[in-house]
Protein backbone atom coordinates (compact mmCIF):
# COMPACT_ATOMS: atom_id res chain seq x y z
CA MET A 1 -68.06 -81.39 -71.44
CA THR A 2 -66.78 -78.89 -69.16
CA GLU A 3 -65.32 -80.66 -66.00
CA ARG A 4 -66.99 -78.66 -62.70
CA ALA A 5 -64.21 -77.35 -60.34
CA SER A 6 -64.16 -78.92 -56.54
CA PRO A 7 -64.36 -76.20 -53.95
CA ALA A 8 -60.81 -76.25 -53.25
CA GLN A 9 -60.12 -75.21 -56.46
CA ARG A 10 -62.52 -72.78 -56.77
CA LEU A 11 -61.19 -71.26 -53.20
CA ARG A 12 -57.62 -71.57 -54.52
CA GLY A 13 -58.53 -69.11 -57.53
CA LEU A 14 -60.55 -66.57 -55.43
CA VAL A 15 -57.58 -66.36 -53.83
CA LEU A 16 -55.28 -65.35 -57.04
CA ARG A 17 -57.46 -63.26 -58.28
CA LEU A 18 -57.70 -61.12 -55.51
CA ALA A 19 -54.07 -61.83 -55.03
CA GLY A 20 -53.06 -60.59 -57.97
CA ASP A 21 -56.16 -57.48 -57.46
CA ARG A 22 -53.98 -54.42 -56.93
CA ARG A 23 -57.53 -53.04 -55.85
CA GLY A 24 -58.03 -55.59 -53.61
CA SER A 25 -54.61 -55.25 -52.08
CA VAL A 26 -54.85 -51.45 -50.92
CA VAL A 27 -58.82 -51.85 -49.88
CA THR A 28 -57.49 -54.84 -47.27
CA THR A 29 -54.12 -53.45 -46.59
CA PHE A 30 -56.49 -49.84 -45.35
CA ALA A 31 -59.05 -52.61 -43.47
CA LEU A 32 -55.93 -54.84 -41.81
CA SER A 33 -54.66 -50.76 -40.56
CA VAL A 34 -57.47 -49.14 -39.09
CA PRO A 35 -57.33 -51.18 -35.37
CA VAL A 36 -53.14 -50.74 -35.47
CA ILE A 37 -53.99 -46.56 -35.97
CA ALA A 38 -56.96 -46.85 -33.22
CA ILE A 39 -54.44 -48.46 -31.30
CA LEU A 40 -51.79 -46.10 -31.61
CA THR A 41 -54.17 -43.29 -30.48
CA LEU A 42 -55.58 -44.45 -28.60
CA GLY A 43 -52.99 -45.11 -26.27
CA ALA A 44 -51.29 -41.96 -27.07
CA ILE A 45 -54.53 -40.15 -25.58
CA ASP A 46 -53.76 -42.64 -23.06
CA LEU A 47 -50.64 -41.72 -22.03
CA ALA A 48 -51.09 -37.70 -21.75
CA SER A 49 -53.53 -38.99 -19.25
CA VAL A 50 -51.65 -40.89 -16.99
CA SER A 51 -48.70 -37.99 -16.92
CA GLY A 52 -51.12 -36.16 -15.60
CA ASP A 53 -52.66 -37.80 -13.69
CA LYS A 54 -48.54 -38.19 -12.06
CA GLY A 55 -48.39 -34.57 -11.86
CA THR A 56 -51.33 -34.07 -9.91
CA VAL A 57 -50.36 -36.89 -7.42
CA GLN A 58 -47.00 -35.59 -7.19
CA ASP A 59 -48.28 -32.02 -6.16
CA VAL A 60 -51.04 -33.50 -3.86
CA ALA A 61 -48.08 -34.97 -2.37
CA ASP A 62 -45.72 -32.44 -2.27
CA ALA A 63 -48.22 -30.11 -1.02
CA ALA A 64 -49.38 -33.44 2.30
CA ALA A 65 -44.66 -32.77 3.33
CA LEU A 66 -44.73 -29.47 3.36
CA VAL A 67 -47.73 -29.71 6.03
CA ALA A 68 -46.92 -32.01 8.30
CA ALA A 69 -42.87 -30.70 8.18
CA LYS A 70 -44.24 -27.98 9.87
CA GLN A 71 -47.13 -30.14 12.38
CA LEU A 72 -43.02 -32.06 13.25
CA GLY A 73 -42.44 -32.21 17.14
CA MET A 74 -46.66 -30.51 17.90
CA ALA A 75 -48.39 -33.70 17.42
CA ASP A 76 -47.93 -37.73 18.14
CA ASN A 77 -45.96 -39.25 14.95
CA ASN A 78 -48.87 -42.00 14.32
CA GLY A 79 -51.51 -39.61 14.27
CA LEU A 80 -49.63 -36.67 11.98
CA ALA A 81 -49.52 -40.23 9.96
CA GLU A 82 -52.99 -40.19 9.43
CA ARG A 83 -54.05 -37.05 9.11
CA THR A 84 -52.11 -36.44 6.93
CA LYS A 85 -52.92 -39.68 4.75
CA ALA A 86 -56.60 -38.19 5.39
CA MET A 87 -55.43 -35.45 3.49
CA ILE A 88 -54.12 -37.09 0.87
CA ALA A 89 -57.24 -39.18 0.43
CA GLU A 90 -59.91 -36.12 0.49
CA ARG A 91 -57.49 -34.23 -2.81
CA LEU A 92 -57.36 -37.25 -4.70
CA SER A 93 -61.34 -37.82 -4.59
CA ALA A 94 -61.90 -36.95 -8.10
CA MET A 95 -59.71 -39.55 -9.28
CA SER A 96 -61.14 -41.97 -7.31
CA ASN A 97 -62.52 -43.34 -10.62
CA ARG A 98 -59.46 -44.59 -12.34
CA LEU A 99 -57.33 -45.11 -9.77
CA THR A 100 -56.38 -46.53 -6.76
CA TYR A 101 -53.38 -46.18 -3.75
CA GLN A 102 -51.69 -47.31 -1.33
CA THR A 103 -49.92 -44.03 0.73
CA THR A 104 -46.95 -44.75 3.06
CA VAL A 105 -46.21 -41.57 5.80
CA THR A 106 -43.41 -41.58 7.78
CA PRO A 107 -42.27 -38.63 10.16
CA ASP A 108 -39.25 -38.28 11.30
CA THR A 109 -38.68 -35.44 14.55
CA ALA A 110 -35.26 -36.22 15.39
CA ALA A 111 -34.35 -35.60 11.56
CA GLY A 112 -36.99 -33.72 10.63
CA THR A 113 -38.05 -35.19 7.83
CA VAL A 114 -41.29 -35.99 6.53
CA SER A 115 -41.38 -39.10 3.76
CA ILE A 116 -44.28 -39.39 1.54
CA SER A 117 -44.62 -42.52 -1.09
CA ILE A 118 -48.21 -43.18 -3.27
CA ALA A 119 -47.72 -46.83 -4.87
CA VAL A 120 -50.66 -46.00 -7.58
CA ASN A 121 -52.29 -48.42 -9.95
CA ARG A 122 -54.54 -46.51 -12.72
CA ASN A 123 -56.67 -47.96 -14.59
CA SER A 124 -55.67 -48.62 -18.22
CA PHE A 125 -57.20 -48.48 -21.64
CA PHE A 126 -59.41 -51.90 -22.81
CA VAL A 127 -60.61 -52.80 -19.44
CA ASN A 128 -56.63 -52.75 -18.12
CA MET A 129 -55.79 -55.09 -21.44
CA LEU A 130 -52.47 -52.37 -22.68
CA PRO A 131 -51.05 -52.24 -20.56
CA PRO A 132 -52.03 -55.67 -18.54
CA GLY A 133 -53.79 -54.71 -15.42
CA GLY A 134 -53.37 -50.72 -15.58
CA TRP A 135 -49.92 -48.42 -15.17
CA ASN A 136 -48.36 -48.56 -12.06
CA PHE A 137 -46.07 -45.85 -10.61
CA THR A 138 -44.96 -44.73 -7.64
CA ILE A 139 -45.36 -40.96 -6.56
CA VAL A 140 -42.45 -39.62 -3.85
CA ALA A 141 -42.04 -36.71 -1.58
CA ASN A 142 -39.83 -35.47 1.09
CA ALA A 143 -39.90 -32.42 3.13
CA GLN A 144 -37.50 -30.98 5.63
CA GLN A 145 -37.67 -28.27 8.34
CA MET A 146 -35.02 -25.28 7.76
CA GLY A 147 -34.38 -24.58 11.35
CA THR A 148 -35.69 -23.34 14.24
CA THR A 149 -34.92 -19.63 12.45
CA PRO A 150 -37.96 -17.62 14.16
CA LEU A 151 -40.30 -15.83 12.00
CA CYS A 152 -39.36 -11.31 12.54
CA VAL A 153 -40.55 -10.04 9.88
CA LEU A 154 -43.72 -11.15 7.19
CA SER A 155 -45.00 -9.18 4.06
CA PHE A 156 -47.76 -11.85 3.99
CA GLY A 157 -49.67 -10.43 1.12
CA GLU A 158 -49.26 -11.93 -2.37
CA GLY A 159 -50.22 -8.66 -4.79
CA LYS A 160 -47.53 -7.51 -6.96
CA LYS A 161 -47.41 -4.60 -4.86
CA ASP A 162 -47.26 -6.59 -1.57
CA THR A 163 -43.43 -6.42 -1.27
CA ILE A 164 -40.45 -6.12 0.89
CA ASP A 165 -39.34 -3.23 -0.97
CA LEU A 166 -36.23 -0.60 -0.52
CA LYS A 167 -34.44 1.87 -2.11
CA GLY A 168 -31.86 4.25 -1.83
CA ASP A 169 -29.66 3.40 1.00
CA SER A 170 -32.35 1.58 2.78
CA HIS A 171 -31.11 -1.41 5.23
CA VAL A 172 -33.19 -3.95 7.58
CA LEU A 173 -30.59 -6.34 9.78
CA ALA A 174 -31.92 -9.06 11.75
CA PRO A 175 -29.23 -11.56 12.39
CA GLY A 176 -30.43 -15.01 13.08
CA CYS A 177 -34.20 -14.34 12.04
CA LEU A 178 -35.88 -15.64 9.17
CA VAL A 179 -37.54 -12.36 6.48
CA GLN A 180 -40.25 -13.60 4.71
CA ALA A 181 -42.21 -12.08 1.95
CA ASN A 182 -45.15 -13.72 0.18
CA SER A 183 -44.88 -12.00 -2.98
CA ASP A 184 -41.49 -10.79 -3.76
CA ILE A 185 -38.53 -8.81 -2.78
CA SER A 186 -36.45 -6.23 -3.99
CA VAL A 187 -33.06 -4.39 -2.79
CA GLU A 188 -32.26 -1.43 -4.92
CA GLY A 189 -29.07 1.00 -4.80
CA THR A 190 -26.60 0.21 -2.13
CA SER A 191 -29.77 -1.07 0.30
CA ALA A 192 -29.11 -4.20 1.87
CA ILE A 193 -30.48 -7.02 4.20
CA SER A 194 -28.87 -9.10 6.63
CA ALA A 195 -30.43 -12.46 7.94
CA GLY A 196 -30.79 -15.55 9.43
CA THR A 197 -32.56 -17.01 6.70
CA VAL A 198 -34.44 -14.95 3.60
CA GLN A 199 -37.05 -15.93 2.14
CA ALA A 200 -39.86 -14.72 -0.89
CA SER A 201 -43.02 -17.23 -2.53
CA GLY A 202 -41.71 -14.56 -5.68
CA LEU A 203 -38.36 -13.41 -6.71
CA ALA A 204 -35.96 -11.81 -4.26
CA THR A 205 -33.32 -9.33 -6.02
CA GLY A 206 -31.04 -7.15 -4.78
CA ALA A 207 -27.65 -7.27 -2.02
CA ILE A 208 -29.46 -10.04 0.54
CA SER A 209 -27.31 -12.52 2.97
CA PRO A 210 -27.56 -15.07 2.70
CA THR A 211 -28.34 -16.20 -0.38
CA PRO A 212 -32.17 -15.99 -0.51
CA GLN A 213 -34.74 -18.61 -0.99
CA THR A 214 -37.33 -17.72 -4.14
CA ASP A 215 -40.35 -20.18 -4.60
CA ALA A 216 -40.76 -20.60 -0.83
CA PRO A 217 -43.74 -21.53 0.95
CA VAL A 218 -46.39 -18.64 1.64
CA ILE A 219 -46.59 -18.37 5.02
CA ALA A 220 -50.26 -17.40 6.24
CA ASP A 221 -51.30 -14.38 8.74
CA PRO A 222 -50.53 -15.94 11.89
CA PHE A 223 -53.15 -12.95 12.89
CA SER A 224 -55.55 -13.37 10.53
CA GLY A 225 -58.00 -15.12 13.37
CA MET A 226 -56.85 -12.15 15.99
CA THR A 227 -60.45 -10.02 16.79
CA ILE A 228 -59.47 -6.17 16.99
CA ALA A 229 -61.38 -4.40 18.92
CA PRO A 230 -64.68 -3.05 17.39
CA MET A 231 -64.68 0.40 16.43
CA GLY A 232 -67.89 0.97 16.68
CA ALA A 233 -67.91 3.43 20.04
CA SER A 234 -68.77 6.74 19.50
CA CYS A 235 -66.85 9.41 20.26
CA THR A 236 -66.12 13.39 20.27
CA VAL A 237 -63.30 14.32 18.07
CA LEU A 238 -61.07 16.38 20.01
CA ASN A 239 -57.77 17.44 18.41
CA THR A 240 -54.92 18.08 20.74
CA LEU A 241 -51.34 20.14 20.35
CA VAL A 242 -48.51 19.04 22.37
CA ASP A 243 -46.57 22.17 22.56
CA ALA A 244 -44.06 22.17 24.77
CA ILE A 245 -45.71 20.45 27.62
CA PRO A 246 -46.56 16.74 29.17
CA LEU A 247 -49.45 14.93 28.70
CA VAL A 248 -50.65 12.07 30.02
CA LEU A 249 -53.46 9.32 28.44
CA ALA A 250 -55.39 7.20 29.97
CA PRO A 251 -55.96 3.84 28.15
CA GLY A 252 -59.23 4.49 26.43
CA ILE A 253 -60.38 5.37 22.86
CA HIS A 254 -58.10 8.76 21.96
CA CYS A 255 -60.60 11.04 19.06
CA GLY A 256 -58.65 13.28 16.22
CA ASN A 257 -55.69 14.31 15.54
CA ILE A 258 -52.92 14.64 18.32
CA THR A 259 -49.39 16.60 17.70
CA VAL A 260 -47.05 16.33 19.83
CA SER A 261 -44.15 19.10 19.22
CA LYS A 262 -40.98 20.58 20.10
CA THR A 263 -40.21 19.31 23.41
CA GLY A 264 -43.76 18.51 24.21
CA ILE A 265 -44.03 14.54 26.15
CA LEU A 266 -46.80 12.42 25.23
CA THR A 267 -47.36 9.51 27.93
CA LEU A 268 -49.40 6.85 27.67
CA LEU A 269 -50.35 5.35 30.99
CA PRO A 270 -50.51 1.76 30.86
CA GLY A 271 -53.15 -0.51 28.71
CA ASP A 272 -54.79 -0.21 25.41
CA HIS A 273 -55.07 2.93 23.44
CA ILE A 274 -57.76 2.99 20.76
CA PHE A 275 -57.11 5.89 18.15
CA GLN A 276 -59.66 7.37 16.12
CA LYS A 277 -61.05 9.83 13.65
CA GLY A 278 -57.55 11.23 13.19
CA GLN A 279 -53.32 11.11 12.87
CA LEU A 280 -50.78 10.82 15.97
CA GLN A 281 -48.12 12.81 14.68
CA LEU A 282 -44.53 13.11 16.79
CA LYS A 283 -42.87 15.34 15.62
CA ASP A 284 -39.91 18.07 15.85
CA GLY A 285 -37.67 17.10 18.76
CA SER A 286 -41.30 16.07 20.96
CA SER A 287 -41.19 12.74 22.98
CA LEU A 288 -43.70 9.53 22.85
CA LEU A 289 -43.49 7.23 26.15
CA GLY A 290 -45.34 4.15 26.90
CA ASP A 291 -44.69 1.15 29.23
CA ASN A 292 -47.24 -1.92 28.82
CA VAL A 293 -48.98 0.01 25.98
CA ALA A 294 -51.21 -1.14 23.18
CA LEU A 295 -51.91 1.26 20.35
CA VAL A 296 -54.40 0.04 18.38
CA PHE A 297 -55.44 2.15 14.52
CA GLY A 298 -58.89 2.41 13.73
CA PRO A 299 -59.86 2.86 10.34
CA ASP A 300 -59.51 6.07 10.23
CA ALA A 301 -56.57 6.84 12.07
CA ALA A 302 -52.84 6.71 11.58
CA PHE A 303 -49.23 7.49 13.11
CA GLN A 304 -46.29 9.34 11.65
CA PHE A 305 -43.06 9.61 13.48
CA VAL A 306 -41.26 12.19 11.85
CA ASP A 307 -37.73 13.94 12.48
CA THR A 308 -36.04 14.01 15.74
CA SER A 309 -38.65 12.78 17.57
CA ILE A 310 -38.34 9.95 20.55
CA ILE A 311 -39.86 7.11 20.42
CA ARG A 312 -40.39 4.40 22.45
CA LEU A 313 -42.85 2.32 23.57
CA ARG A 314 -43.20 -1.00 25.14
CA GLY A 315 -45.88 -3.35 24.39
CA ARG A 316 -48.42 -5.17 26.47
CA ARG A 317 -47.51 -7.96 28.94
CA GLN A 318 -51.40 -9.11 29.15
CA GLY A 319 -54.16 -9.20 27.91
CA ILE A 320 -55.99 -9.44 24.35
CA TYR A 321 -53.55 -7.88 22.62
CA ALA A 322 -50.36 -9.37 25.01
CA GLY A 323 -47.30 -9.82 22.80
CA PHE A 324 -48.81 -6.17 20.66
CA VAL A 325 -47.41 -3.00 21.51
CA ILE A 326 -48.63 -1.55 17.76
CA LEU A 327 -52.03 -2.99 16.05
CA THR A 328 -54.39 -1.66 13.35
CA THR A 329 -57.44 -2.72 12.54
CA ARG A 330 -58.47 -5.16 9.25
CA ASP A 331 -60.10 -1.66 7.54
CA ASN A 332 -57.79 0.59 7.72
CA LYS A 333 -55.54 1.18 4.51
CA GLN A 334 -53.64 4.29 6.32
CA ARG A 335 -49.95 4.91 5.39
CA PHE A 336 -48.05 4.29 8.64
CA GLU A 337 -44.69 5.89 8.39
CA ILE A 338 -41.42 5.47 10.99
CA SER A 339 -38.92 8.36 9.00
CA SER A 340 -37.67 9.58 12.85
CA SER A 341 -34.12 9.46 13.96
CA ALA A 342 -35.22 8.35 17.81
CA ALA A 343 -37.06 5.52 17.57
CA ARG A 344 -35.33 3.38 19.19
CA GLU A 345 -37.57 1.69 21.10
CA LEU A 346 -40.44 -0.90 19.57
CA VAL A 347 -40.37 -3.19 22.25
CA GLY A 348 -42.91 -5.49 20.48
CA THR A 349 -45.47 -7.24 17.77
CA VAL A 350 -46.28 -4.33 14.87
CA TYR A 351 -49.18 -5.52 13.33
CA ILE A 352 -50.88 -4.14 10.27
CA PRO A 353 -52.90 -6.48 8.55
CA ASN A 354 -54.20 -4.48 5.62
CA ALA A 355 -51.89 -1.29 5.01
CA GLU A 356 -48.10 -0.56 4.07
CA LEU A 357 -45.17 0.41 6.87
CA SER A 358 -42.79 2.78 5.57
CA VAL A 359 -39.97 3.09 7.05
CA THR A 360 -37.81 6.29 5.73
CA GLY A 361 -35.31 9.08 6.85
CA SER A 362 -31.90 8.74 7.64
CA ALA A 363 -31.45 6.64 11.41
CA LYS A 364 -31.79 3.08 12.81
CA VAL A 365 -35.07 2.25 13.91
CA ALA A 366 -35.41 -0.48 16.54
CA ASP A 367 -32.16 -0.94 17.35
CA GLU A 368 -32.98 -0.06 21.33
CA SER A 369 -34.86 -3.11 21.42
CA ALA A 370 -34.82 -6.50 23.21
CA TRP A 371 -36.86 -7.48 20.66
CA THR A 372 -39.53 -6.66 17.68
CA VAL A 373 -41.42 -8.54 15.04
CA VAL A 374 -42.96 -6.40 12.53
CA VAL A 375 -46.25 -8.47 10.62
CA ALA A 376 -47.68 -5.92 7.79
CA LYS A 377 -49.24 -6.80 4.00
CA SER A 378 -46.29 -5.00 3.01
CA MET A 379 -43.22 -3.31 3.85
CA ALA A 380 -41.07 -0.23 2.21
CA MET A 381 -38.26 1.49 2.71
CA SER A 382 -36.41 4.97 1.22
CA LYS A 383 -33.71 7.08 2.37
CA SER A 384 -30.66 5.42 4.49
CA PRO A 385 -32.72 4.21 7.51
CA SER A 386 -31.75 1.21 9.34
CA LEU A 387 -34.82 -1.48 10.30
CA VAL A 388 -32.86 -3.25 13.76
CA ILE A 389 -34.95 -6.56 14.55
CA ASN A 390 -33.50 -8.42 17.45
CA LYS A 391 -34.60 -11.26 18.88
CA ASN A 392 -33.70 -10.96 22.82
CA TYR A 393 -36.83 -12.40 23.86
CA SER A 394 -36.12 -13.27 27.40
CA GLY A 395 -34.64 -9.63 28.02
CA SER A 396 -38.16 -7.90 28.43
CA ASN A 397 -41.17 -9.32 30.14
CA VAL A 398 -42.80 -8.81 26.85
CA PRO A 399 -44.60 -11.93 25.19
CA VAL A 400 -44.16 -12.68 22.80
CA PRO A 401 -47.20 -13.73 20.82
CA ASP A 402 -47.96 -17.34 18.84
CA GLY A 403 -47.72 -17.18 15.63
CA VAL A 404 -44.11 -15.90 14.93
CA GLY A 405 -40.60 -15.28 17.07
CA PRO A 406 -39.26 -18.79 18.49
CA VAL A 407 -42.81 -20.34 18.55
CA SER A 408 -43.06 -19.33 15.13
CA ALA A 409 -44.57 -22.54 12.77
CA ALA A 410 -41.93 -24.01 11.51
CA ASN A 411 -39.90 -23.77 7.96
CA VAL A 412 -40.06 -25.99 6.11
CA ARG A 413 -38.84 -27.11 1.99
CA LEU A 414 -38.72 -29.98 -0.35
CA VAL A 415 -35.86 -31.84 -0.71
CA ASN A 416 -35.10 -34.88 -3.09
């Protein structure tokens, strides 16, 4: 009679048989490794997701720091800090299901800096078990004002063609001023830009002094909310030739082509002069004179100052166009040309929101102005002119509009 094996003996025999069975060993090994592989895969996915969230929070912090730095000195620091926190909260609201954070904003008006620190706890997979308690990291952003350099030349278009483009032997001379392009700055040939500060949101190439800052923050059109004269009023087209005789124009709407040639003199009386359905052309040795005037060009109007024509214009001192000397409506896409060898005085702001300002010829432009500001969608220079941008704001009774000159928005940058 065969003796029965005890339960312990039967279990021991089963273990020995499984240990000696290679097929069983493979199956067991695979079964044990599947959870490990799954955990590693999920961990890698979670790490990539955390890295993406870190980048997003950093971008939000950087943007908030730049905005806050521009407002330093214009608001109470406590209020500035609270508005900055609210901005961050709004931009991170889409991530509230997976992270919590604590924001610290430290404005320093004396140093011109804003520091932002965001301490983040981000959920991890397996209900915050790996790592225990979730992912913890801190994002830091610091922005600094770059001084009070007045904004004197701004090309605010952001398209590929919306550049500051200098060719030939053209020059921009803007000592102590900020020259900014929201796209690229291209300086070719023997051309050059010399200014207090030069910035481009894109690239900057060529002879530029000082060394330009590239990838700079965009400066928005400072006059984007401005209402420019409605052009709905009807008018009778009357082409006018001023040829060796003086003509005086009262403020109002002027329709048709106005050509001033030879030694003709066109004098604009103080006020707003609205040009429609034609071109204002100064040529030969003619003169355009005006004090306390704003020249506003409708969608189908433009100006051309050529030859040796004398241009002496001083902008408006009061009214809705105070501080401006030449403006165009937003639907005006004409080309505006200054190639005269005697366009020496343009006191005020030249604002061309949706067209190109072309400066060409071979002489100095605006050099006898107390101050000049140019704000255009784009600006091109060719041949050998020198556009001189002065900033003697106290030397004229033409006020400087908010957003440019000494009252421009602060120029800021991110710092380590």
